[in-house]
Amino acid sequence: MTEFHNEIRRRAHEAQTSLADARATGDDYLAGIRLGEIQSLARIAADHGLVLDGVEESLAAYGLPTPAPGLPLPPAGI
């Protein structure tokens, strides 16, 4: 695994943890920011053949699809 893959995984984990904290405290603004970050990281991961644990579930909880390579990101909105 490359340093790039490790960094994407680390950032995705941090964003998911922050999203969970935002949900727990009712901070919808921060949750929206973290969802956008998770979508962006998921797109980068998909474009590089990397699977990120928990990302699909994090996005699905808000009715958002997991990005796939070559497809545009849907607009993030909560």
PDB file of N, CA and C in Angstrom:
ATOM      1  N   MET A   1       0.845  -1.171   0.000  1.00  0.00           N
ATOM      2  CA  MET A   1       0.000   0.000   0.000  1.00  0.00           C
ATOM      3  C   MET A   1       0.896   1.242   0.000  1.00  0.00           C
ATOM      4  N   THR A   2       0.499   2.216  -0.768  1.00  0.00           N
ATOM      5  CA  THR A   2       1.327   3.405  -0.896  1.00  0.00           C
ATOM      6  C   THR A   2       1.008   4.426   0.190  1.00  0.00           C
ATOM      7  N   GLU A   3       1.871   5.386   0.317  1.00  0.00           N
ATOM      8  CA  GLU A   3       1.637   6.485   1.265  1.00  0.00           C
ATOM      9  C   GLU A   3       0.366   7.247   0.880  1.00  0.00           C
ATOM     10  N   PHE A   4       0.130   7.379  -0.414  1.00  0.00           N
ATOM     11  CA  PHE A   4      -1.087   8.037  -0.904  1.00  0.00           C
ATOM     12  C   PHE A   4      -2.334   7.311  -0.393  1.00  0.00           C
ATOM     13  N   HIS A   5      -2.359   5.992  -0.533  1.00  0.00           N
ATOM     14  CA  HIS A   5      -3.498   5.202  -0.053  1.00  0.00           C
ATOM     15  C   HIS A   5      -3.682   5.350   1.455  1.00  0.00           C
ATOM     16  N   ASN A   6      -2.590   5.308   2.179  1.00  0.00           N
ATOM     17  CA  ASN A   6      -2.662   5.474   3.629  1.00  0.00           C
ATOM     18  C   ASN A   6      -3.243   6.831   4.000  1.00  0.00           C
ATOM     19  N   GLU A   7      -2.835   7.858   3.303  1.00  0.00           N
ATOM     20  CA  GLU A   7      -3.321   9.211   3.593  1.00  0.00           C
ATOM     21  C   GLU A   7      -4.812   9.352   3.281  1.00  0.00           C
ATOM     22  N   ILE A   8      -5.254   8.793   2.177  1.00  0.00           N
ATOM     23  CA  ILE A   8      -6.681   8.842   1.836  1.00  0.00           C
ATOM     24  C   ILE A   8      -7.490   8.094   2.883  1.00  0.00           C
ATOM     25  N   ARG A   9      -7.024   6.945   3.276  1.00  0.00           N
ATOM     26  CA  ARG A   9      -7.716   6.163   4.318  1.00  0.00           C
ATOM     27  C   ARG A   9      -7.758   6.920   5.647  1.00  0.00           C
ATOM     28  N   ARG A  10      -6.638   7.535   6.021  1.00  0.00           N
ATOM     29  CA  ARG A  10      -6.572   8.292   7.272  1.00  0.00           C
ATOM     30  C   ARG A  10      -7.552   9.459   7.251  1.00  0.00           C
ATOM     31  N   ARG A  11      -7.551  10.208   6.160  1.00  0.00           N
ATOM     32  CA  ARG A  11      -8.440  11.363   6.056  1.00  0.00           C
ATOM     33  C   ARG A  11      -9.905  10.947   6.043  1.00  0.00           C
ATOM     34  N   ALA A  12     -10.213   9.848   5.384  1.00  0.00           N
ATOM     35  CA  ALA A  12     -11.595   9.353   5.355  1.00  0.00           C
ATOM     36  C   ALA A  12     -12.035   8.945   6.758  1.00  0.00           C
ATOM     37  N   HIS A  13     -11.168   8.275   7.483  1.00  0.00           N
ATOM     38  CA  HIS A  13     -11.494   7.865   8.852  1.00  0.00           C
ATOM     39  C   HIS A  13     -11.744   9.095   9.735  1.00  0.00           C
ATOM     40  N   GLU A  14     -10.888  10.101   9.628  1.00  0.00           N
ATOM     41  CA  GLU A  14     -11.059  11.329  10.410  1.00  0.00           C
ATOM     42  C   GLU A  14     -12.371  12.029  10.057  1.00  0.00           C
ATOM     43  N   ALA A  15     -12.700  12.085   8.778  1.00  0.00           N
ATOM     44  CA  ALA A  15     -13.943  12.729   8.345  1.00  0.00           C
ATOM     45  C   ALA A  15     -15.165  11.965   8.853  1.00  0.00           C
ATOM     46  N   GLN A  16     -15.092  10.633   8.832  1.00  0.00           N
ATOM     47  CA  GLN A  16     -16.205   9.827   9.334  1.00  0.00           C
ATOM     48  C   GLN A  16     -16.379  10.010  10.839  1.00  0.00           C
ATOM     49  N   THR A  17     -15.276  10.074  11.566  1.00  0.00           N
ATOM     50  CA  THR A  17     -15.340  10.300  13.012  1.00  0.00           C
ATOM     51  C   THR A  17     -15.936  11.669  13.307  1.00  0.00           C
ATOM     52  N   SER A  18     -15.506  12.672  12.563  1.00  0.00           N
ATOM     53  CA  SER A  18     -16.035  14.020  12.747  1.00  0.00           C
ATOM     54  C   SER A  18     -17.514  14.084  12.370  1.00  0.00           C
ATOM     55  N   LEU A  19     -17.917  13.363  11.331  1.00  0.00           N
ATOM     56  CA  LEU A  19     -19.329  13.304  10.942  1.00  0.00           C
ATOM     57  C   LEU A  19     -20.157  12.703  12.068  1.00  0.00           C
ATOM     58  N   ALA A  20     -19.678  11.630  12.660  1.00  0.00           N
ATOM     59  CA  ALA A  20     -20.401  10.994  13.769  1.00  0.00           C
ATOM     60  C   ALA A  20     -20.537  11.958  14.945  1.00  0.00           C
ATOM     61  N   ASP A  21     -19.470  12.702  15.237  1.00  0.00           N
ATOM     62  CA  ASP A  21     -19.519  13.688  16.320  1.00  0.00           C
ATOM     63  C   ASP A  21     -20.521  14.797  15.997  1.00  0.00           C
ATOM     64  N   ALA A  22     -20.528  15.248  14.755  1.00  0.00           N
ATOM     65  CA  ALA A  22     -21.458  16.307  14.334  1.00  0.00           C
ATOM     66  C   ALA A  22     -22.902  15.829  14.458  1.00  0.00           C
ATOM     67  N   ARG A  23     -23.152  14.603  14.052  1.00  0.00           N
ATOM     68  CA  ARG A  23     -24.506  14.047  14.173  1.00  0.00           C
ATOM     69  C   ARG A  23     -24.923  13.956  15.632  1.00  0.00           C
ATOM     70  N   ALA A  24     -24.001  13.532  16.482  1.00  0.00           N
ATOM     71  CA  ALA A  24     -24.307  13.354  17.904  1.00  0.00           C
ATOM     72  C   ALA A  24     -24.631  14.678  18.589  1.00  0.00           C
ATOM     73  N   THR A  25     -24.021  15.757  18.123  1.00  0.00           N
ATOM     74  CA  THR A  25     -24.250  17.068  18.738  1.00  0.00           C
ATOM     75  C   THR A  25     -25.279  17.901  17.983  1.00  0.00           C
ATOM     76  N   GLY A  26     -25.808  17.351  16.879  1.00  0.00           N
ATOM     77  CA  GLY A  26     -26.818  18.072  16.109  1.00  0.00           C
ATOM     78  C   GLY A  26     -26.264  19.210  15.272  1.00  0.00           C
ATOM     79  N   ASP A  27     -24.979  19.163  14.953  1.00  0.00           N
ATOM     80  CA  ASP A  27     -24.342  20.218  14.152  1.00  0.00           C
ATOM     81  C   ASP A  27     -24.502  19.889  12.663  1.00  0.00           C
ATOM     82  N   ASP A  28     -25.621  20.320  12.091  1.00  0.00           N
ATOM     83  CA  ASP A  28     -25.924  20.007  10.690  1.00  0.00           C
ATOM     84  C   ASP A  28     -24.936  20.648   9.722  1.00  0.00           C
ATOM     85  N   TYR A  29     -24.438  21.829  10.055  1.00  0.00           N
ATOM     86  CA  TYR A  29     -23.479  22.497   9.177  1.00  0.00           C
ATOM     87  C   TYR A  29     -22.199  21.668   9.068  1.00  0.00           C
ATOM     88  N   LEU A  30     -21.644  21.280  10.216  1.00  0.00           N
ATOM     89  CA  LEU A  30     -20.420  20.473  10.202  1.00  0.00           C
ATOM     90  C   LEU A  30     -20.663  19.127   9.530  1.00  0.00           C
ATOM     91  N   ALA A  31     -21.836  18.548   9.757  1.00  0.00           N
ATOM     92  CA  ALA A  31     -22.161  17.277   9.102  1.00  0.00           C
ATOM     93  C   ALA A  31     -22.127  17.439   7.586  1.00  0.00           C
ATOM     94  N   GLY A  32     -22.666  18.537   7.078  1.00  0.00           N
ATOM     95  CA  GLY A  32     -22.645  18.797   5.639  1.00  0.00           C
ATOM     96  C   GLY A  32     -21.237  18.949   5.097  1.00  0.00           C
ATOM     97  N   ILE A  33     -20.391  19.638   5.857  1.00  0.00           N
ATOM     98  CA  ILE A  33     -18.987  19.805   5.457  1.00  0.00           C
ATOM     99  C   ILE A  33     -18.305  18.441   5.390  1.00  0.00           C
ATOM    100  N   ARG A  34     -18.506  17.633   6.407  1.00  0.00           N
ATOM    101  CA  ARG A  34     -17.863  16.309   6.446  1.00  0.00           C
ATOM    102  C   ARG A  34     -18.401  15.384   5.357  1.00  0.00           C
ATOM    103  N   LEU A  35     -19.694  15.477   5.062  1.00  0.00           N
ATOM    104  CA  LEU A  35     -20.240  14.656   3.973  1.00  0.00           C
ATOM    105  C   LEU A  35     -19.583  15.022   2.645  1.00  0.00           C
ATOM    106  N   GLY A  36     -19.409  16.301   2.400  1.00  0.00           N
ATOM    107  CA  GLY A  36     -18.725  16.732   1.178  1.00  0.00           C
ATOM    108  C   GLY A  36     -17.299  16.224   1.120  1.00  0.00           C
ATOM    109  N   GLU A  37     -16.624  16.271   2.252  1.00  0.00           N
ATOM    110  CA  GLU A  37     -15.256  15.772   2.326  1.00  0.00           C
ATOM    111  C   GLU A  37     -15.215  14.267   2.065  1.00  0.00           C
ATOM    112  N   ILE A  38     -16.143  13.542   2.665  1.00  0.00           N
ATOM    113  CA  ILE A  38     -16.198  12.087   2.471  1.00  0.00           C
ATOM    114  C   ILE A  38     -16.496  11.762   1.013  1.00  0.00           C
ATOM    115  N   GLN A  39     -17.408  12.502   0.392  1.00  0.00           N
ATOM    116  CA  GLN A  39     -17.701  12.283  -1.031  1.00  0.00           C
ATOM    117  C   GLN A  39     -16.458  12.515  -1.885  1.00  0.00           C
ATOM    118  N   SER A  40     -15.748  13.581  -1.608  1.00  0.00           N
ATOM    119  CA  SER A  40     -14.538  13.889  -2.385  1.00  0.00           C
ATOM    120  C   SER A  40     -13.486  12.810  -2.218  1.00  0.00           C
ATOM    121  N   LEU A  41     -13.279  12.384  -0.988  1.00  0.00           N
ATOM    122  CA  LEU A  41     -12.296  11.325  -0.738  1.00  0.00           C
ATOM    123  C   LEU A  41     -12.725  10.007  -1.368  1.00  0.00           C
ATOM    124  N   ALA A  42     -14.025   9.722  -1.333  1.00  0.00           N
ATOM    125  CA  ALA A  42     -14.529   8.500  -1.962  1.00  0.00           C
ATOM    126  C   ALA A  42     -14.318   8.534  -3.466  1.00  0.00           C
ATOM    127  N   ARG A  43     -14.499   9.702  -4.066  1.00  0.00           N
ATOM    128  CA  ARG A  43     -14.252   9.838  -5.510  1.00  0.00           C
ATOM    129  C   ARG A  43     -12.790   9.599  -5.825  1.00  0.00           C
ATOM    130  N   ILE A  44     -11.906  10.203  -5.069  1.00  0.00           N
ATOM    131  CA  ILE A  44     -10.473  10.012  -5.290  1.00  0.00           C
ATOM    132  C   ILE A  44     -10.115   8.533  -5.123  1.00  0.00           C
ATOM    133  N   ALA A  45     -10.636   7.919  -4.072  1.00  0.00           N
ATOM    134  CA  ALA A  45     -10.360   6.502  -3.829  1.00  0.00           C
ATOM    135  C   ALA A  45     -10.863   5.645  -4.984  1.00  0.00           C
ATOM    136  N   ALA A  46     -12.082   5.907  -5.444  1.00  0.00           N
ATOM    137  CA  ALA A  46     -12.651   5.127  -6.549  1.00  0.00           C
ATOM    138  C   ALA A  46     -11.812   5.282  -7.811  1.00  0.00           C
ATOM    139  N   ASP A  47     -11.361   6.495  -8.074  1.00  0.00           N
ATOM    140  CA  ASP A  47     -10.544   6.737  -9.264  1.00  0.00           C
ATOM    141  C   ASP A  47      -9.200   6.009  -9.210  1.00  0.00           C
ATOM    142  N   HIS A  48      -8.783   5.625  -7.992  1.00  0.00           N
ATOM    143  CA  HIS A  48      -7.502   4.936  -7.828  1.00  0.00           C
ATOM    144  C   HIS A  48      -7.663   3.484  -7.379  1.00  0.00           C
ATOM    145  N   GLY A  49      -8.892   2.967  -7.477  1.00  0.00           N
ATOM    146  CA  GLY A  49      -9.133   1.562  -7.153  1.00  0.00           C
ATOM    147  C   GLY A  49      -9.001   1.225  -5.681  1.00  0.00           C
ATOM    148  N   LEU A  50      -9.210   2.212  -4.825  1.00  0.00           N
ATOM    149  CA  LEU A  50      -9.073   2.017  -3.392  1.00  0.00           C
ATOM    150  C   LEU A  50     -10.453   1.934  -2.750  1.00  0.00           C
ATOM    151  N   VAL A  51     -10.649   0.967  -1.872  1.00  0.00           N
ATOM    152  CA  VAL A  51     -11.917   0.817  -1.145  1.00  0.00           C
ATOM    153  C   VAL A  51     -11.734   1.402   0.248  1.00  0.00           C
ATOM    154  N   LEU A  52     -12.660   2.270   0.642  1.00  0.00           N
ATOM    155  CA  LEU A  52     -12.609   2.891   1.960  1.00  0.00           C
ATOM    156  C   LEU A  52     -13.692   2.296   2.851  1.00  0.00           C
ATOM    157  N   ASP A  53     -13.285   1.711   3.952  1.00  0.00           N
ATOM    158  CA  ASP A  53     -14.225   1.096   4.891  1.00  0.00           C
ATOM    159  C   ASP A  53     -15.174   2.131   5.484  1.00  0.00           C
ATOM    160  N   GLY A  54     -16.459   1.806   5.496  1.00  0.00           N
ATOM    161  CA  GLY A  54     -17.459   2.627   6.148  1.00  0.00           C
ATOM    162  C   GLY A  54     -17.980   3.812   5.371  1.00  0.00           C
ATOM    163  N   VAL A  55     -17.353   4.148   4.265  1.00  0.00           N
ATOM    164  CA  VAL A  55     -17.756   5.328   3.499  1.00  0.00           C
ATOM    165  C   VAL A  55     -19.146   5.138   2.899  1.00  0.00           C
ATOM    166  N   GLU A  56     -19.392   3.987   2.322  1.00  0.00           N
ATOM    167  CA  GLU A  56     -20.701   3.739   1.712  1.00  0.00           C
ATOM    168  C   GLU A  56     -21.815   3.901   2.743  1.00  0.00           C
ATOM    169  N   GLU A  57     -21.594   3.378   3.926  1.00  0.00           N
ATOM    170  CA  GLU A  57     -22.599   3.484   4.990  1.00  0.00           C
ATOM    171  C   GLU A  57     -22.788   4.922   5.450  1.00  0.00           C
ATOM    172  N   SER A  58     -21.681   5.656   5.588  1.00  0.00           N
ATOM    173  CA  SER A  58     -21.758   7.055   6.017  1.00  0.00           C
ATOM    174  C   SER A  58     -22.579   7.883   5.041  1.00  0.00           C
ATOM    175  N   LEU A  59     -22.354   7.679   3.754  1.00  0.00           N
ATOM    176  CA  LEU A  59     -23.083   8.432   2.733  1.00  0.00           C
ATOM    177  C   LEU A  59     -24.526   7.959   2.628  1.00  0.00           C
ATOM    178  N   ALA A  60     -24.740   6.654   2.700  1.00  0.00           N
ATOM    179  CA  ALA A  60     -26.093   6.096   2.570  1.00  0.00           C
ATOM    180  C   ALA A  60     -27.009   6.577   3.690  1.00  0.00           C
ATOM    181  N   ALA A  61     -26.449   6.837   4.866  1.00  0.00           N
ATOM    182  CA  ALA A  61     -27.251   7.329   5.989  1.00  0.00           C
ATOM    183  C   ALA A  61     -27.907   8.671   5.660  1.00  0.00           C
ATOM    184  N   TYR A  62     -27.350   9.393   4.690  1.00  0.00           N
ATOM    185  CA  TYR A  62     -27.899  10.678   4.253  1.00  0.00           C
ATOM    186  C   TYR A  62     -28.527  10.576   2.864  1.00  0.00           C
ATOM    187  N   GLY A  63     -28.711   9.350   2.390  1.00  0.00           N
ATOM    188  CA  GLY A  63     -29.326   9.145   1.083  1.00  0.00           C
ATOM    189  C   GLY A  63     -28.414   9.481  -0.083  1.00  0.00           C
ATOM    190  N   LEU A  64     -27.107   9.476   0.148  1.00  0.00           N
ATOM    191  CA  LEU A  64     -26.141   9.815  -0.898  1.00  0.00           C
ATOM    192  C   LEU A  64     -25.477   8.550  -1.434  1.00  0.00           C
ATOM    193  N   PRO A  65     -25.304   8.477  -2.753  1.00  0.00           N
ATOM    194  CA  PRO A  65     -24.633   7.309  -3.332  1.00  0.00           C
ATOM    195  C   PRO A  65     -23.120   7.388  -3.137  1.00  0.00           C
ATOM    196  N   THR A  66     -22.486   6.251  -3.204  1.00  0.00           N
ATOM    197  CA  THR A  66     -21.026   6.213  -3.162  1.00  0.00           C
ATOM    198  C   THR A  66     -20.511   6.552  -4.556  1.00  0.00           C
ATOM    199  N   PRO A  67     -19.614   7.529  -4.664  1.00  0.00           N
ATOM    200  CA  PRO A  67     -19.086   7.886  -5.985  1.00  0.00           C
ATOM    201  C   PRO A  67     -18.409   6.708  -6.671  1.00  0.00           C
ATOM    202  N   ALA A  68     -18.537   6.684  -7.983  1.00  0.00           N
ATOM    203  CA  ALA A  68     -17.884   5.671  -8.801  1.00  0.00           C
ATOM    204  C   ALA A  68     -16.938   6.363  -9.765  1.00  0.00           C
ATOM    205  N   PRO A  69     -15.923   5.664 -10.224  1.00  0.00           N
ATOM    206  CA  PRO A  69     -14.972   6.287 -11.146  1.00  0.00           C
ATOM    207  C   PRO A  69     -15.658   6.811 -12.399  1.00  0.00           C
ATOM    208  N   GLY A  70     -15.294   8.015 -12.781  1.00  0.00           N
ATOM    209  CA  GLY A  70     -15.769   8.590 -14.023  1.00  0.00           C
ATOM    210  C   GLY A  70     -17.156   9.207 -13.982  1.00  0.00           C
ATOM    211  N   LEU A  71     -17.845   9.131 -12.851  1.00  0.00           N
ATOM    212  CA  LEU A  71     -19.171   9.728 -12.734  1.00  0.00           C
ATOM    213  C   LEU A  71     -19.078  11.004 -11.916  1.00  0.00           C
ATOM    214  N   PRO A  72     -19.844  12.023 -12.278  1.00  0.00           N
ATOM    215  CA  PRO A  72     -19.785  13.266 -11.497  1.00  0.00           C
ATOM    216  C   PRO A  72     -20.384  13.069 -10.118  1.00  0.00           C
ATOM    217  N   LEU A  73     -19.906  13.838  -9.151  1.00  0.00           N
ATOM    218  CA  LEU A  73     -20.469  13.791  -7.811  1.00  0.00           C
ATOM    219  C   LEU A  73     -21.839  14.426  -7.810  1.00  0.00           C
ATOM    220  N   PRO A  74     -22.792  13.830  -7.106  1.00  0.00           N
ATOM    221  CA  PRO A  74     -24.102  14.473  -6.969  1.00  0.00           C
ATOM    222  C   PRO A  74     -23.963  15.673  -6.040  1.00  0.00           C
ATOM    223  N   PRO A  75     -24.844  16.644  -6.153  1.00  0.00           N
ATOM    224  CA  PRO A  75     -24.758  17.783  -5.248  1.00  0.00           C
ATOM    225  C   PRO A  75     -24.992  17.330  -3.810  1.00  0.00           C
ATOM    226  N   ALA A  76     -24.155  17.825  -2.894  1.00  0.00           N
ATOM    227  CA  ALA A  76     -24.306  17.476  -1.483  1.00  0.00           C
ATOM    228  C   ALA A  76     -25.312  18.419  -0.861  1.00  0.00           C
ATOM    229  N   GLY A  77     -26.281  17.870  -0.225  1.00  0.00           N
ATOM    230  CA  GLY A  77     -27.265  18.689   0.451  1.00  0.00           C
ATOM    231  C   GLY A  77     -27.953  17.869   1.514  1.00  0.00           C
ATOM    232  N   ILE A  78     -28.103  18.484   2.635  1.00  0.00           N
ATOM    233  CA  ILE A  78     -28.752  17.776   3.732  1.00  0.00           C
ATOM    234  C   ILE A  78     -30.151  18.353   3.895  1.00  0.00           C
TER     235      ILE A  78
END
